[in-house]
C-alpha atoms as a PDB file:
ATOM      1  CA  MET A   1      89.964 133.059  79.487  1.00  0.00           C
ATOM      2  CA  GLN A   2      89.007 132.041  83.079  1.00  0.00           C
ATOM      3  CA  ARG A   3      85.579 131.082  83.778  1.00  0.00           C
ATOM      4  CA  LYS A   4      84.938 133.541  86.331  1.00  0.00           C
ATOM      5  CA  LEU A   5      85.971 136.280  83.755  1.00  0.00           C
ATOM      6  CA  TYR A   6      83.094 135.011  81.568  1.00  0.00           C
ATOM      7  CA  LYS A   7      80.370 134.770  84.345  1.00  0.00           C
ATOM      8  CA  GLU A   8      81.405 138.400  84.837  1.00  0.00           C
ATOM      9  CA  LEU A   9      80.985 138.975  81.012  1.00  0.00           C
ATOM     10  CA  TRP A  10      77.812 137.561  80.605  1.00  0.00           C
ATOM     11  CA  THR A  11      76.448 139.292  84.108  1.00  0.00           C
ATOM     12  CA  MET A  12      77.369 142.608  82.574  1.00  0.00           C
ATOM     13  CA  ARG A  13      75.814 141.822  79.322  1.00  0.00           C
ATOM     14  CA  PHE A  14      72.633 140.934  80.651  1.00  0.00           C
ATOM     15  CA  GLN A  15      72.622 143.667  83.162  1.00  0.00           C
ATOM     16  CA  LYS A  16      72.766 145.727  79.968  1.00  0.00           C
ATOM     17  CA  MET A  17      69.944 143.920  78.489  1.00  0.00           C
ATOM     18  CA  LEU A  18      67.701 144.320  81.087  1.00  0.00           C
ATOM     19  CA  LYS A  19      68.361 147.787  81.654  1.00  0.00           C
ATOM     20  CA  LEU A  20      67.613 148.596  77.751  1.00  0.00           C
ATOM     21  CA  GLU A  21      64.329 146.335  78.065  1.00  0.00           C
ATOM     22  CA  GLU A  22      63.371 148.111  81.360  1.00  0.00           C
ATOM     23  CA  GLN A  23      63.653 151.738  79.787  1.00  0.00           C
ATOM     24  CA  SER A  24      61.830 150.118  76.157  1.00  0.00           C
ATOM     25  CA  ILE A  25      58.846 149.284  79.173  1.00  0.00           C
ATOM     26  CA  THR A  26      58.945 153.307  80.553  1.00  0.00           C
ATOM     27  CA  ASP A  27      59.306 154.718  76.936  1.00  0.00           C
ATOM     28  CA  TYR A  28      56.886 152.907  75.162  1.00  0.00           C
ATOM     29  CA  GLY A  29      54.486 153.456  78.204  1.00  0.00           C
ATOM     30  CA  SER A  30      55.367 157.374  78.187  1.00  0.00           C
ATOM     31  CA  ILE A  31      54.054 157.384  74.470  1.00  0.00           C
ATOM     32  CA  LEU A  32      50.806 155.633  75.375  1.00  0.00           C
ATOM     33  CA  LYS A  33      50.187 157.610  77.786  1.00  0.00           C
ATOM     34  CA  GLU A  34      50.158 160.559  75.235  1.00  0.00           C
ATOM     35  CA  CYS A  35      48.316 158.654  72.626  1.00  0.00           C
ATOM     36  CA  LYS A  36      45.311 158.306  75.314  1.00  0.00           C
ATOM     37  CA  GLY A  37      42.550 159.578  74.009  1.00  0.00           C
ATOM     38  CA  LYS A  38      43.372 160.738  70.795  1.00  0.00           C
ATOM     39  CA  LYS A  39      41.679 158.816  68.092  1.00  0.00           C
ATOM     40  CA  ASN A  40      44.339 156.218  67.151  1.00  0.00           C
ATOM     41  CA  SER A  41      43.735 152.889  68.951  1.00  0.00           C
ATOM     42  CA  VAL A  42      45.797 151.088  65.863  1.00  0.00           C
ATOM     43  CA  LEU A  43      48.782 152.685  67.354  1.00  0.00           C
ATOM     44  CA  GLU A  44      47.853 151.902  71.335  1.00  0.00           C
ATOM     45  CA  THR A  45      47.147 148.374  70.520  1.00  0.00           C
ATOM     46  CA  ASP A  46      50.590 148.115  69.131  1.00  0.00           C
ATOM     47  CA  LEU A  47      52.462 149.453  71.901  1.00  0.00           C
ATOM     48  CA  LYS A  48      50.340 147.380  74.424  1.00  0.00           C
ATOM     49  CA  LYS A  49      51.546 144.938  72.625  1.00  0.00           C
ATOM     50  CA  LEU A  50      55.448 146.289  72.455  1.00  0.00           C
ATOM     51  CA  ILE A  51      55.402 146.839  76.255  1.00  0.00           C
ATOM     52  CA  LEU A  52      53.784 143.252  76.957  1.00  0.00           C
ATOM     53  CA  ASP A  53      56.771 141.936  74.203  1.00  0.00           C
ATOM     54  CA  GLU A  54      59.348 144.226  76.508  1.00  0.00           C
ATOM     55  CA  LYS A  55      58.280 143.038  79.505  1.00  0.00           C
ATOM     56  CA  LYS A  56      58.623 138.863  78.293  1.00  0.00           C
ATOM     57  CA  HIS A  57      62.111 140.210  77.410  1.00  0.00           C
ATOM     58  CA  ALA A  58      62.969 141.571  80.606  1.00  0.00           C
ATOM     59  CA  LYS A  59      61.699 138.497  82.183  1.00  0.00           C
ATOM     60  CA  LEU A  60      63.883 136.251  79.993  1.00  0.00           C
ATOM     61  CA  VAL A  61      67.107 138.433  80.998  1.00  0.00           C
ATOM     62  CA  ARG A  62      66.268 137.875  84.698  1.00  0.00           C
ATOM     63  CA  GLU A  63      65.967 134.304  83.982  1.00  0.00           C
ATOM     64  CA  LEU A  64      69.447 134.299  82.252  1.00  0.00           C
ATOM     65  CA  LEU A  65      70.901 136.478  84.759  1.00  0.00           C
ATOM     66  CA  SER A  66      69.962 133.611  87.465  1.00  0.00           C
ATOM     67  CA  ILE A  67      71.444 131.072  85.409  1.00  0.00           C
ATOM     68  CA  VAL A  68      74.568 132.581  84.949  1.00  0.00           C
ATOM     69  CA  ASN A  69      74.858 133.926  89.121  1.00  0.00           C
ATOM     70  CA  ARG A  70      73.914 130.071  89.880  1.00  0.00           C
ATOM     71  CA  GLN A  71      77.466 128.907  87.865  1.00  0.00           C
ATOM     72  CA  GLU A  72      80.946 128.370  89.947  1.00  0.00           C
ATOM     73  CA  ASP A  73      83.474 130.799  89.430  1.00  0.00           C
END
C-alpha cells in the first residue's frame, strides 16, 4: 500500500477514535448531571474519573493525529 494511503487510513481511524472519545465525555457528563443531587456520591466520583480518563484519551488521539499529519505523503 502506498504511504499516502496509510496516512489517510490512520487519519480516518484517529478521527473516528477522537469522535468516540468526545462523545463519551458528553455522555458521561449528561449522566453526571442526572446524578447530581441524588445520594450516590460513589457514582458521581466514578463518573468524574471516567470523564477525566476520556479527556486524557482524547488528548492522546489529538497528539496521534498531529503526528500523522506531520508525516510526508
